[in-house]
């Protein structure tokens, strides 16, 4: 999708996905991930645990990232949404995790 990985934090159990200058996502294999908790790991085919949102610099970048996700095996979530001040579109990654990519060009209208 155009992101890179930090080899210092990558091995057979995990990889560090660099999303931005100070934003990282650790992608762990299930047995290693289970070692960090006492809870059961969510079956993402049956339940959603979180939506991870990524802010980008333009509407075009929203469309590009969602298209790259689809090319990499993800599933596009519905149609893009244009709220005037914000444009967003999402996808489900191959492991079933939900992602929203958005560009905000202004403030939301007052409630």
PDB file of N, CA and C in Angstrom:
ATOM      1  N   UNK A   1       0.811  -1.197   0.000  1.00  0.00           N
ATOM      2  CA  UNK A   1       0.000   0.000   0.000  1.00  0.00           C
ATOM      3  C   UNK A   1       0.852   1.258   0.000  1.00  0.00           C
ATOM      4  N   UNK A   2       2.169   1.077  -0.068  1.00  0.00           N
ATOM      5  CA  UNK A   2       3.038   2.237  -0.104  1.00  0.00           C
ATOM      6  C   UNK A   2       3.694   2.549   1.224  1.00  0.00           C
ATOM      7  N   UNK A   3       3.368   1.800   2.277  1.00  0.00           N
ATOM      8  CA  UNK A   3       4.000   1.998   3.580  1.00  0.00           C
ATOM      9  C   UNK A   3       5.279   1.164   3.641  1.00  0.00           C
ATOM     10  N   UNK A   4       6.089   1.418   4.638  1.00  0.00           N
ATOM     11  CA  UNK A   4       7.303   0.617   4.811  1.00  0.00           C
ATOM     12  C   UNK A   4       7.291  -0.017   6.193  1.00  0.00           C
ATOM     13  N   UNK A   5       8.274  -0.873   6.425  1.00  0.00           N
ATOM     14  CA  UNK A   5       8.395  -1.597   7.686  1.00  0.00           C
ATOM     15  C   UNK A   5       9.734  -1.260   8.332  1.00  0.00           C
ATOM     16  N   UNK A   6       9.758  -1.264   9.660  1.00  0.00           N
ATOM     17  CA  UNK A   6      10.988  -1.012  10.400  1.00  0.00           C
ATOM     18  C   UNK A   6      11.649  -2.354  10.707  1.00  0.00           C
ATOM     19  N   UNK A   7      12.777  -2.656  10.064  1.00  0.00           N
ATOM     20  CA  UNK A   7      13.413  -3.966  10.260  1.00  0.00           C
ATOM     21  C   UNK A   7      13.909  -4.195  11.694  1.00  0.00           C
ATOM     22  N   UNK A   8      14.131  -3.136  12.464  1.00  0.00           N
ATOM     23  CA  UNK A   8      14.587  -3.304  13.854  1.00  0.00           C
ATOM     24  C   UNK A   8      13.534  -3.980  14.712  1.00  0.00           C
ATOM     25  N   UNK A   9      12.264  -3.853  14.323  1.00  0.00           N
ATOM     26  CA  UNK A   9      11.159  -4.415  15.103  1.00  0.00           C
ATOM     27  C   UNK A   9      10.386  -5.445  14.290  1.00  0.00           C
ATOM     28  N   UNK A  10      11.091  -6.164  13.451  1.00  0.00           N
ATOM     29  CA  UNK A  10      10.467  -7.163  12.597  1.00  0.00           C
ATOM     30  C   UNK A  10      11.213  -8.484  12.726  1.00  0.00           C
ATOM     31  N   UNK A  11      10.449  -9.546  12.989  1.00  0.00           N
ATOM     32  CA  UNK A  11      11.010 -10.896  13.026  1.00  0.00           C
ATOM     33  C   UNK A  11       9.910 -11.878  12.655  1.00  0.00           C
ATOM     34  N   UNK A  12      10.056 -13.157  12.999  1.00  0.00           N
ATOM     35  CA  UNK A  12       9.053 -14.159  12.626  1.00  0.00           C
ATOM     36  C   UNK A  12       7.741 -14.005  13.398  1.00  0.00           C
ATOM     37  N   UNK A  13       7.738 -13.195  14.466  1.00  0.00           N
ATOM     38  CA  UNK A  13       6.534 -13.000  15.280  1.00  0.00           C
ATOM     39  C   UNK A  13       5.796 -11.695  15.016  1.00  0.00           C
ATOM     40  N   UNK A  14       6.514 -10.695  14.520  1.00  0.00           N
ATOM     41  CA  UNK A  14       5.905  -9.372  14.396  1.00  0.00           C
ATOM     42  C   UNK A  14       6.614  -8.560  13.326  1.00  0.00           C
ATOM     43  N   UNK A  15       5.901  -7.546  12.850  1.00  0.00           N
ATOM     44  CA  UNK A  15       6.509  -6.562  11.967  1.00  0.00           C
ATOM     45  C   UNK A  15       5.946  -5.196  12.313  1.00  0.00           C
ATOM     46  N   UNK A  16       6.790  -4.200  12.222  1.00  0.00           N
ATOM     47  CA  UNK A  16       6.412  -2.842  12.568  1.00  0.00           C
ATOM     48  C   UNK A  16       6.104  -2.067  11.280  1.00  0.00           C
ATOM     49  N   UNK A  17       4.835  -1.768  11.074  1.00  0.00           N
ATOM     50  CA  UNK A  17       4.377  -1.018   9.907  1.00  0.00           C
ATOM     51  C   UNK A  17       4.485   0.472  10.223  1.00  0.00           C
ATOM     52  N   UNK A  18       5.209   1.208   9.402  1.00  0.00           N
ATOM     53  CA  UNK A  18       5.387   2.643   9.600  1.00  0.00           C
ATOM     54  C   UNK A  18       4.281   3.362   8.840  1.00  0.00           C
ATOM     55  N   UNK A  19       3.358   3.982   9.580  1.00  0.00           N
ATOM     56  CA  UNK A  19       2.234   4.692   8.977  1.00  0.00           C
ATOM     57  C   UNK A  19       2.505   6.184   8.830  1.00  0.00           C
ATOM     58  N   UNK A  20       3.402   6.716   9.622  1.00  0.00           N
ATOM     59  CA  UNK A  20       3.735   8.136   9.589  1.00  0.00           C
ATOM     60  C   UNK A  20       4.974   8.383  10.409  1.00  0.00           C
ATOM     61  N   UNK A  21       5.357   9.650  10.527  1.00  0.00           N
ATOM     62  CA  UNK A  21       6.590   9.998  11.242  1.00  0.00           C
ATOM     63  C   UNK A  21       6.598   9.465  12.669  1.00  0.00           C
ATOM     64  N   UNK A  22       5.464   9.519  13.351  1.00  0.00           N
ATOM     65  CA  UNK A  22       5.370   9.034  14.728  1.00  0.00           C
ATOM     66  C   UNK A  22       4.193   8.083  14.911  1.00  0.00           C
ATOM     67  N   UNK A  23       3.804   7.378  13.848  1.00  0.00           N
ATOM     68  CA  UNK A  23       2.654   6.482  13.909  1.00  0.00           C
ATOM     69  C   UNK A  23       3.068   5.117  13.367  1.00  0.00           C
ATOM     70  N   UNK A  24       2.896   4.099  14.204  1.00  0.00           N
ATOM     71  CA  UNK A  24       3.299   2.749  13.853  1.00  0.00           C
ATOM     72  C   UNK A  24       2.188   1.772  14.202  1.00  0.00           C
ATOM     73  N   UNK A  25       2.107   0.672  13.489  1.00  0.00           N
ATOM     74  CA  UNK A  25       1.196  -0.419  13.829  1.00  0.00           C
ATOM     75  C   UNK A  25       2.030  -1.690  13.907  1.00  0.00           C
ATOM     76  N   UNK A  26       1.925  -2.376  15.016  1.00  0.00           N
ATOM     77  CA  UNK A  26       2.611  -3.644  15.153  1.00  0.00           C
ATOM     78  C   UNK A  26       1.673  -4.752  14.681  1.00  0.00           C
ATOM     79  N   UNK A  27       2.120  -5.515  13.704  1.00  0.00           N
ATOM     80  CA  UNK A  27       1.350  -6.622  13.158  1.00  0.00           C
ATOM     81  C   UNK A  27       1.960  -7.916  13.698  1.00  0.00           C
ATOM     82  N   UNK A  28       1.194  -8.633  14.512  1.00  0.00           N
ATOM     83  CA  UNK A  28       1.710  -9.802  15.221  1.00  0.00           C
ATOM     84  C   UNK A  28       1.029 -11.077  14.741  1.00  0.00           C
ATOM     85  N   UNK A  29       1.781 -12.175  14.709  1.00  0.00           N
ATOM     86  CA  UNK A  29       1.162 -13.467  14.447  1.00  0.00           C
ATOM     87  C   UNK A  29       0.329 -13.845  15.669  1.00  0.00           C
ATOM     88  N   UNK A  30      -0.739 -14.590  15.446  1.00  0.00           N
ATOM     89  CA  UNK A  30      -1.714 -14.851  16.510  1.00  0.00           C
ATOM     90  C   UNK A  30      -1.099 -15.442  17.786  1.00  0.00           C
ATOM     91  N   UNK A  31      -0.287 -16.498  17.731  1.00  0.00           N
ATOM     92  CA  UNK A  31       0.252 -17.045  18.983  1.00  0.00           C
ATOM     93  C   UNK A  31       1.072 -16.021  19.782  1.00  0.00           C
ATOM     94  N   UNK A  32       1.831 -15.202  19.112  1.00  0.00           N
ATOM     95  CA  UNK A  32       2.620 -14.171  19.790  1.00  0.00           C
ATOM     96  C   UNK A  32       1.691 -13.116  20.389  1.00  0.00           C
ATOM     97  N   UNK A  33       0.688 -12.694  19.637  1.00  0.00           N
ATOM     98  CA  UNK A  33      -0.289 -11.718  20.119  1.00  0.00           C
ATOM     99  C   UNK A  33      -1.000 -12.227  21.367  1.00  0.00           C
ATOM    100  N   UNK A  34      -1.357 -13.507  21.377  1.00  0.00           N
ATOM    101  CA  UNK A  34      -2.063 -14.090  22.527  1.00  0.00           C
ATOM    102  C   UNK A  34      -1.233 -14.013  23.810  1.00  0.00           C
ATOM    103  N   UNK A  35       0.083 -13.940  23.679  1.00  0.00           N
ATOM    104  CA  UNK A  35       0.957 -13.845  24.850  1.00  0.00           C
ATOM    105  C   UNK A  35       0.885 -12.502  25.567  1.00  0.00           C
ATOM    106  N   UNK A  36       0.241 -11.516  24.977  1.00  0.00           N
ATOM    107  CA  UNK A  36       0.126 -10.190  25.575  1.00  0.00           C
ATOM    108  C   UNK A  36      -1.151 -10.002  26.382  1.00  0.00           C
ATOM    109  N   UNK A  37      -2.015 -11.015  26.419  1.00  0.00           N
ATOM    110  CA  UNK A  37      -3.310 -10.818  27.078  1.00  0.00           C
ATOM    111  C   UNK A  37      -3.818 -12.094  27.707  1.00  0.00           C
ATOM    112  N   UNK A  38      -4.821 -11.922  28.540  1.00  0.00           N
ATOM    113  CA  UNK A  38      -5.504 -13.073  29.131  1.00  0.00           C
ATOM    114  C   UNK A  38      -6.856 -13.293  28.466  1.00  0.00           C
ATOM    115  N   UNK A  39      -7.268 -12.395  27.589  1.00  0.00           N
ATOM    116  CA  UNK A  39      -8.533 -12.519  26.866  1.00  0.00           C
ATOM    117  C   UNK A  39      -8.354 -13.353  25.606  1.00  0.00           C
ATOM    118  N   UNK A  40      -9.470 -13.798  25.075  1.00  0.00           N
ATOM    119  CA  UNK A  40      -9.466 -14.521  23.820  1.00  0.00           C
ATOM    120  C   UNK A  40      -9.340 -13.520  22.662  1.00  0.00           C
ATOM    121  N   UNK A  41      -8.635 -13.904  21.620  1.00  0.00           N
ATOM    122  CA  UNK A  41      -8.494 -13.064  20.439  1.00  0.00           C
ATOM    123  C   UNK A  41      -9.812 -13.094  19.664  1.00  0.00           C
ATOM    124  N   UNK A  42     -10.252 -11.934  19.236  1.00  0.00           N
ATOM    125  CA  UNK A  42     -11.505 -11.783  18.499  1.00  0.00           C
ATOM    126  C   UNK A  42     -11.425 -12.478  17.146  1.00  0.00           C
ATOM    127  N   UNK A  43     -12.490 -13.178  16.769  1.00  0.00           N
ATOM    128  CA  UNK A  43     -12.608 -13.755  15.431  1.00  0.00           C
ATOM    129  C   UNK A  43     -13.173 -12.652  14.542  1.00  0.00           C
ATOM    130  N   UNK A  44     -12.317 -12.022  13.743  1.00  0.00           N
ATOM    131  CA  UNK A  44     -12.728 -10.872  12.950  1.00  0.00           C
ATOM    132  C   UNK A  44     -13.681 -11.234  11.818  1.00  0.00           C
ATOM    133  N   UNK A  45     -13.899 -12.511  11.564  1.00  0.00           N
ATOM    134  CA  UNK A  45     -14.910 -12.916  10.587  1.00  0.00           C
ATOM    135  C   UNK A  45     -16.312 -12.796  11.192  1.00  0.00           C
ATOM    136  N   UNK A  46     -16.387 -12.739  12.532  1.00  0.00           N
ATOM    137  CA  UNK A  46     -17.675 -12.696  13.228  1.00  0.00           C
ATOM    138  C   UNK A  46     -17.905 -11.413  14.022  1.00  0.00           C
ATOM    139  N   UNK A  47     -16.846 -10.701  14.367  1.00  0.00           N
ATOM    140  CA  UNK A  47     -16.990  -9.520  15.224  1.00  0.00           C
ATOM    141  C   UNK A  47     -15.920  -8.496  14.869  1.00  0.00           C
ATOM    142  N   UNK A  48     -16.232  -7.231  15.120  1.00  0.00           N
ATOM    143  CA  UNK A  48     -15.264  -6.151  14.908  1.00  0.00           C
ATOM    144  C   UNK A  48     -14.826  -5.637  16.270  1.00  0.00           C
ATOM    145  N   UNK A  49     -13.535  -5.388  16.421  1.00  0.00           N
ATOM    146  CA  UNK A  49     -13.034  -4.908  17.704  1.00  0.00           C
ATOM    147  C   UNK A  49     -12.670  -3.429  17.678  1.00  0.00           C
ATOM    148  N   UNK A  50     -12.350  -2.910  16.492  1.00  0.00           N
ATOM    149  CA  UNK A  50     -11.931  -1.509  16.385  1.00  0.00           C
ATOM    150  C   UNK A  50     -11.926  -1.114  14.908  1.00  0.00           C
ATOM    151  N   UNK A  51     -12.087   0.175  14.653  1.00  0.00           N
ATOM    152  CA  UNK A  51     -11.844   0.710  13.314  1.00  0.00           C
ATOM    153  C   UNK A  51     -10.645   1.642  13.449  1.00  0.00           C
ATOM    154  N   UNK A  52      -9.608   1.381  12.687  1.00  0.00           N
ATOM    155  CA  UNK A  52      -8.420   2.227  12.711  1.00  0.00           C
ATOM    156  C   UNK A  52      -8.558   3.257  11.602  1.00  0.00           C
ATOM    157  N   UNK A  53      -8.459   4.535  11.979  1.00  0.00           N
ATOM    158  CA  UNK A  53      -8.629   5.619  11.011  1.00  0.00           C
ATOM    159  C   UNK A  53      -7.277   6.237  10.676  1.00  0.00           C
ATOM    160  N   UNK A  54      -7.070   6.483   9.393  1.00  0.00           N
ATOM    161  CA  UNK A  54      -5.838   7.108   8.910  1.00  0.00           C
ATOM    162  C   UNK A  54      -6.194   8.427   8.230  1.00  0.00           C
ATOM    163  N   UNK A  55      -5.633   9.521   8.712  1.00  0.00           N
ATOM    164  CA  UNK A  55      -5.820  10.821   8.071  1.00  0.00           C
ATOM    165  C   UNK A  55      -4.769  10.977   6.983  1.00  0.00           C
ATOM    166  N   UNK A  56      -5.193  11.442   5.811  1.00  0.00           N
ATOM    167  CA  UNK A  56      -4.278  11.664   4.694  1.00  0.00           C
ATOM    168  C   UNK A  56      -4.451  13.088   4.180  1.00  0.00           C
ATOM    169  N   UNK A  57      -3.576  13.500   3.268  1.00  0.00           N
ATOM    170  CA  UNK A  57      -3.508  14.892   2.833  1.00  0.00           C
ATOM    171  C   UNK A  57      -4.473  15.291   1.733  1.00  0.00           C
ATOM    172  N   UNK A  58      -5.171  14.331   1.106  1.00  0.00           N
ATOM    173  CA  UNK A  58      -6.061  14.706   0.007  1.00  0.00           C
ATOM    174  C   UNK A  58      -7.108  13.623  -0.242  1.00  0.00           C
ATOM    175  N   UNK A  59      -8.163  14.008  -0.952  1.00  0.00           N
ATOM    176  CA  UNK A  59      -9.178  13.046  -1.376  1.00  0.00           C
ATOM    177  C   UNK A  59      -8.559  11.989  -2.282  1.00  0.00           C
ATOM    178  N   UNK A  60      -7.668  12.419  -3.160  1.00  0.00           N
ATOM    179  CA  UNK A  60      -7.021  11.477  -4.081  1.00  0.00           C
ATOM    180  C   UNK A  60      -6.239  10.423  -3.306  1.00  0.00           C
ATOM    181  N   UNK A  61      -5.604  10.825  -2.215  1.00  0.00           N
ATOM    182  CA  UNK A  61      -4.844   9.865  -1.414  1.00  0.00           C
ATOM    183  C   UNK A  61      -5.772   8.866  -0.728  1.00  0.00           C
ATOM    184  N   UNK A  62      -6.972   9.304  -0.325  1.00  0.00           N
ATOM    185  CA  UNK A  62      -7.968   8.371   0.219  1.00  0.00           C
ATOM    186  C   UNK A  62      -8.244   7.285  -0.810  1.00  0.00           C
ATOM    187  N   UNK A  63      -8.580   7.716  -2.026  1.00  0.00           N
ATOM    188  CA  UNK A  63      -8.913   6.755  -3.084  1.00  0.00           C
ATOM    189  C   UNK A  63      -7.738   5.844  -3.427  1.00  0.00           C
ATOM    190  N   UNK A  64      -6.535   6.394  -3.449  1.00  0.00           N
ATOM    191  CA  UNK A  64      -5.348   5.606  -3.772  1.00  0.00           C
ATOM    192  C   UNK A  64      -5.094   4.531  -2.726  1.00  0.00           C
ATOM    193  N   UNK A  65      -5.166   4.890  -1.428  1.00  0.00           N
ATOM    194  CA  UNK A  65      -4.902   3.899  -0.382  1.00  0.00           C
ATOM    195  C   UNK A  65      -5.948   2.794  -0.374  1.00  0.00           C
ATOM    196  N   UNK A  66      -7.206   3.146  -0.569  1.00  0.00           N
ATOM    197  CA  UNK A  66      -8.250   2.122  -0.594  1.00  0.00           C
ATOM    198  C   UNK A  66      -8.051   1.203  -1.800  1.00  0.00           C
ATOM    199  N   UNK A  67      -7.690   1.758  -2.932  1.00  0.00           N
ATOM    200  CA  UNK A  67      -7.425   0.932  -4.124  1.00  0.00           C
ATOM    201  C   UNK A  67      -6.230   0.012  -3.888  1.00  0.00           C
ATOM    202  N   UNK A  68      -5.181   0.523  -3.247  1.00  0.00           N
ATOM    203  CA  UNK A  68      -4.011  -0.323  -2.952  1.00  0.00           C
ATOM    204  C   UNK A  68      -4.380  -1.443  -1.988  1.00  0.00           C
ATOM    205  N   UNK A  69      -5.224  -1.134  -1.011  1.00  0.00           N
ATOM    206  CA  UNK A  69      -5.664  -2.164  -0.064  1.00  0.00           C
ATOM    207  C   UNK A  69      -6.412  -3.269  -0.796  1.00  0.00           C
ATOM    208  N   UNK A  70      -7.284  -2.897  -1.715  1.00  0.00           N
ATOM    209  CA  UNK A  70      -8.030  -3.888  -2.493  1.00  0.00           C
ATOM    210  C   UNK A  70      -7.084  -4.739  -3.341  1.00  0.00           C
ATOM    211  N   UNK A  71      -6.086  -4.106  -3.956  1.00  0.00           N
ATOM    212  CA  UNK A  71      -5.111  -4.844  -4.763  1.00  0.00           C
ATOM    213  C   UNK A  71      -4.287  -5.804  -3.920  1.00  0.00           C
ATOM    214  N   UNK A  72      -4.120  -5.479  -2.618  1.00  0.00           N
ATOM    215  CA  UNK A  72      -3.332  -6.323  -1.723  1.00  0.00           C
ATOM    216  C   UNK A  72      -4.172  -7.401  -1.039  1.00  0.00           C
ATOM    217  N   UNK A  73      -5.443  -7.536  -1.431  1.00  0.00           N
ATOM    218  CA  UNK A  73      -6.277  -8.593  -0.867  1.00  0.00           C
ATOM    219  C   UNK A  73      -7.327  -8.118   0.108  1.00  0.00           C
ATOM    220  N   UNK A  74      -7.422  -6.814   0.330  1.00  0.00           N
ATOM    221  CA  UNK A  74      -8.456  -6.281   1.210  1.00  0.00           C
ATOM    222  C   UNK A  74      -9.794  -6.199   0.495  1.00  0.00           C
ATOM    223  N   UNK A  75     -10.831  -5.929   1.273  1.00  0.00           N
ATOM    224  CA  UNK A  75     -12.181  -5.796   0.740  1.00  0.00           C
ATOM    225  C   UNK A  75     -12.646  -4.369   0.995  1.00  0.00           C
ATOM    226  N   UNK A  76     -13.042  -3.674  -0.057  1.00  0.00           N
ATOM    227  CA  UNK A  76     -13.503  -2.294   0.059  1.00  0.00           C
ATOM    228  C   UNK A  76     -14.839  -2.271   0.802  1.00  0.00           C
ATOM    229  N   UNK A  77     -14.976  -1.320   1.733  1.00  0.00           N
ATOM    230  CA  UNK A  77     -16.192  -1.182   2.537  1.00  0.00           C
ATOM    231  C   UNK A  77     -17.117  -0.134   1.929  1.00  0.00           C
ATOM    232  N   UNK A  78     -18.106  -0.563   1.206  1.00  0.00           N
ATOM    233  CA  UNK A  78     -19.114   0.348   0.672  1.00  0.00           C
ATOM    234  C   UNK A  78     -18.551   1.381  -0.278  1.00  0.00           C
ATOM    235  N   UNK A  79     -19.277   2.479  -0.394  1.00  0.00           N
ATOM    236  CA  UNK A  79     -18.907   3.580  -1.269  1.00  0.00           C
ATOM    237  C   UNK A  79     -18.226   4.681  -0.469  1.00  0.00           C
ATOM    238  N   UNK A  80     -17.411   5.530  -1.125  1.00  0.00           N
ATOM    239  CA  UNK A  80     -16.834   6.678  -0.409  1.00  0.00           C
ATOM    240  C   UNK A  80     -17.945   7.591   0.100  1.00  0.00           C
ATOM    241  N   UNK A  81     -17.671   8.279   1.195  1.00  0.00           N
ATOM    242  CA  UNK A  81     -18.639   9.218   1.780  1.00  0.00           C
ATOM    243  C   UNK A  81     -18.048  10.617   1.753  1.00  0.00           C
ATOM    244  N   UNK A  82     -18.819  11.562   1.246  1.00  0.00           N
ATOM    245  CA  UNK A  82     -18.395  12.960   1.189  1.00  0.00           C
ATOM    246  C   UNK A  82     -19.320  13.765   2.077  1.00  0.00           C
ATOM    247  N   UNK A  83     -18.786  14.286   3.182  1.00  0.00           N
ATOM    248  CA  UNK A  83     -19.554  15.078   4.134  1.00  0.00           C
ATOM    249  C   UNK A  83     -19.334  16.578   3.939  1.00  0.00           C
ATOM    250  N   UNK A  84     -18.716  16.948   2.839  1.00  0.00           N
ATOM    251  CA  UNK A  84     -18.411  18.353   2.593  1.00  0.00           C
ATOM    252  C   UNK A  84     -17.087  18.746   3.217  1.00  0.00           C
ATOM    253  N   UNK A  85     -16.992  18.677   4.524  1.00  0.00           N
ATOM    254  CA  UNK A  85     -15.765  19.020   5.242  1.00  0.00           C
ATOM    255  C   UNK A  85     -14.812  17.828   5.355  1.00  0.00           C
ATOM    256  N   UNK A  86     -15.345  16.604   5.074  1.00  0.00           N
ATOM    257  CA  UNK A  86     -14.532  15.399   5.221  1.00  0.00           C
ATOM    258  C   UNK A  86     -14.953  14.376   4.161  1.00  0.00           C
ATOM    259  N   UNK A  87     -13.947  13.709   3.619  1.00  0.00           N
ATOM    260  CA  UNK A  87     -14.155  12.647   2.631  1.00  0.00           C
ATOM    261  C   UNK A  87     -13.548  11.385   3.220  1.00  0.00           C
ATOM    262  N   UNK A  88     -14.272  10.267   3.158  1.00  0.00           N
ATOM    263  CA  UNK A  88     -13.744   9.034   3.741  1.00  0.00           C
ATOM    264  C   UNK A  88     -14.174   7.820   2.942  1.00  0.00           C
ATOM    265  N   UNK A  89     -13.367   6.790   3.066  1.00  0.00           N
ATOM    266  CA  UNK A  89     -13.655   5.496   2.467  1.00  0.00           C
ATOM    267  C   UNK A  89     -12.897   4.465   3.283  1.00  0.00           C
ATOM    268  N   UNK A  90     -13.376   3.237   3.299  1.00  0.00           N
ATOM    269  CA  UNK A  90     -12.746   2.241   4.146  1.00  0.00           C
ATOM    270  C   UNK A  90     -12.536   0.911   3.457  1.00  0.00           C
ATOM    271  N   UNK A  91     -11.866   0.041   4.196  1.00  0.00           N
ATOM    272  CA  UNK A  91     -11.623  -1.314   3.716  1.00  0.00           C
ATOM    273  C   UNK A  91     -11.430  -2.244   4.900  1.00  0.00           C
ATOM    274  N   UNK A  92     -11.566  -3.521   4.618  1.00  0.00           N
ATOM    275  CA  UNK A  92     -11.297  -4.585   5.581  1.00  0.00           C
ATOM    276  C   UNK A  92     -10.028  -5.266   5.108  1.00  0.00           C
ATOM    277  N   UNK A  93      -9.027  -5.383   5.983  1.00  0.00           N
ATOM    278  CA  UNK A  93      -7.783  -6.018   5.561  1.00  0.00           C
ATOM    279  C   UNK A  93      -7.961  -7.538   5.478  1.00  0.00           C
ATOM    280  N   UNK A  94      -6.970  -8.264   4.930  1.00  0.00           N
ATOM    281  CA  UNK A  94      -7.127  -9.717   4.771  1.00  0.00           C
ATOM    282  C   UNK A  94      -7.373 -10.471   6.078  1.00  0.00           C
ATOM    283  N   UNK A  95      -7.029  -9.869   7.230  1.00  0.00           N
ATOM    284  CA  UNK A  95      -7.289 -10.511   8.518  1.00  0.00           C
ATOM    285  C   UNK A  95      -8.639 -10.117   9.106  1.00  0.00           C
ATOM    286  N   UNK A  96      -9.398  -9.260   8.392  1.00  0.00           N
ATOM    287  CA  UNK A  96     -10.725  -8.876   8.858  1.00  0.00           C
ATOM    288  C   UNK A  96     -10.772  -7.605   9.684  1.00  0.00           C
ATOM    289  N   UNK A  97      -9.652  -6.910   9.821  1.00  0.00           N
ATOM    290  CA  UNK A  97      -9.632  -5.662  10.587  1.00  0.00           C
ATOM    291  C   UNK A  97     -10.163  -4.518   9.736  1.00  0.00           C
ATOM    292  N   UNK A  98     -10.860  -3.572  10.374  1.00  0.00           N
ATOM    293  CA  UNK A  98     -11.503  -2.475   9.669  1.00  0.00           C
ATOM    294  C   UNK A  98     -10.631  -1.221   9.701  1.00  0.00           C
ATOM    295  N   UNK A  99     -10.514  -0.580   8.546  1.00  0.00           N
ATOM    296  CA  UNK A  99      -9.718   0.633   8.392  1.00  0.00           C
ATOM    297  C   UNK A  99     -10.562   1.694   7.687  1.00  0.00           C
ATOM    298  N   UNK A 100     -10.477   2.947   8.130  1.00  0.00           N
ATOM    299  CA  UNK A 100     -11.090   4.083   7.453  1.00  0.00           C
ATOM    300  C   UNK A 100      -9.977   5.038   7.075  1.00  0.00           C
ATOM    301  N   UNK A 101     -10.001   5.501   5.848  1.00  0.00           N
ATOM    302  CA  UNK A 101      -9.029   6.482   5.372  1.00  0.00           C
ATOM    303  C   UNK A 101      -9.828   7.755   5.115  1.00  0.00           C
ATOM    304  N   UNK A 102      -9.360   8.892   5.648  1.00  0.00           N
ATOM    305  CA  UNK A 102     -10.139  10.113   5.487  1.00  0.00           C
ATOM    306  C   UNK A 102      -9.255  11.327   5.240  1.00  0.00           C
ATOM    307  N   UNK A 103      -9.867  12.322   4.606  1.00  0.00           N
ATOM    308  CA  UNK A 103      -9.246  13.641   4.429  1.00  0.00           C
ATOM    309  C   UNK A 103     -10.245  14.678   4.931  1.00  0.00           C
ATOM    310  N   UNK A 104      -9.826  15.465   5.901  1.00  0.00           N
ATOM    311  CA  UNK A 104     -10.660  16.538   6.432  1.00  0.00           C
ATOM    312  C   UNK A 104     -10.135  17.860   5.890  1.00  0.00           C
ATOM    313  N   UNK A 105     -11.011  18.578   5.181  1.00  0.00           N
ATOM    314  CA  UNK A 105     -10.611  19.861   4.603  1.00  0.00           C
ATOM    315  C   UNK A 105     -11.194  21.039   5.359  1.00  0.00           C
ATOM    316  N   UNK A 106     -11.836  20.766   6.475  1.00  0.00           N
ATOM    317  CA  UNK A 106     -12.430  21.833   7.281  1.00  0.00           C
ATOM    318  C   UNK A 106     -12.983  21.279   8.562  1.00  0.00           C
ATOM    319  N   UNK A 107     -13.746  22.095   9.239  1.00  0.00           N
ATOM    320  CA  UNK A 107     -14.364  21.708  10.512  1.00  0.00           C
ATOM    321  C   UNK A 107     -15.778  21.182  10.262  1.00  0.00           C
ATOM    322  N   UNK A 108     -16.249  20.259  11.082  1.00  0.00           N
ATOM    323  CA  UNK A 108     -17.632  19.816  10.923  1.00  0.00           C
ATOM    324  C   UNK A 108     -18.589  20.965  11.227  1.00  0.00           C
ATOM    325  N   UNK A 109     -19.797  20.916  10.672  1.00  0.00           N
ATOM    326  CA  UNK A 109     -20.765  21.973  10.959  1.00  0.00           C
ATOM    327  C   UNK A 109     -21.172  21.924  12.436  1.00  0.00           C
ATOM    328  N   UNK A 110     -21.556  23.059  13.002  1.00  0.00           N
ATOM    329  CA  UNK A 110     -21.984  23.049  14.410  1.00  0.00           C
ATOM    330  C   UNK A 110     -23.186  22.132  14.617  1.00  0.00           C
ATOM    331  N   UNK A 111     -23.225  21.522  15.773  1.00  0.00           N
ATOM    332  CA  UNK A 111     -24.333  20.593  16.084  1.00  0.00           C
ATOM    333  C   UNK A 111     -25.633  21.342  16.295  1.00  0.00           C
TER     334      UNK A 111
END
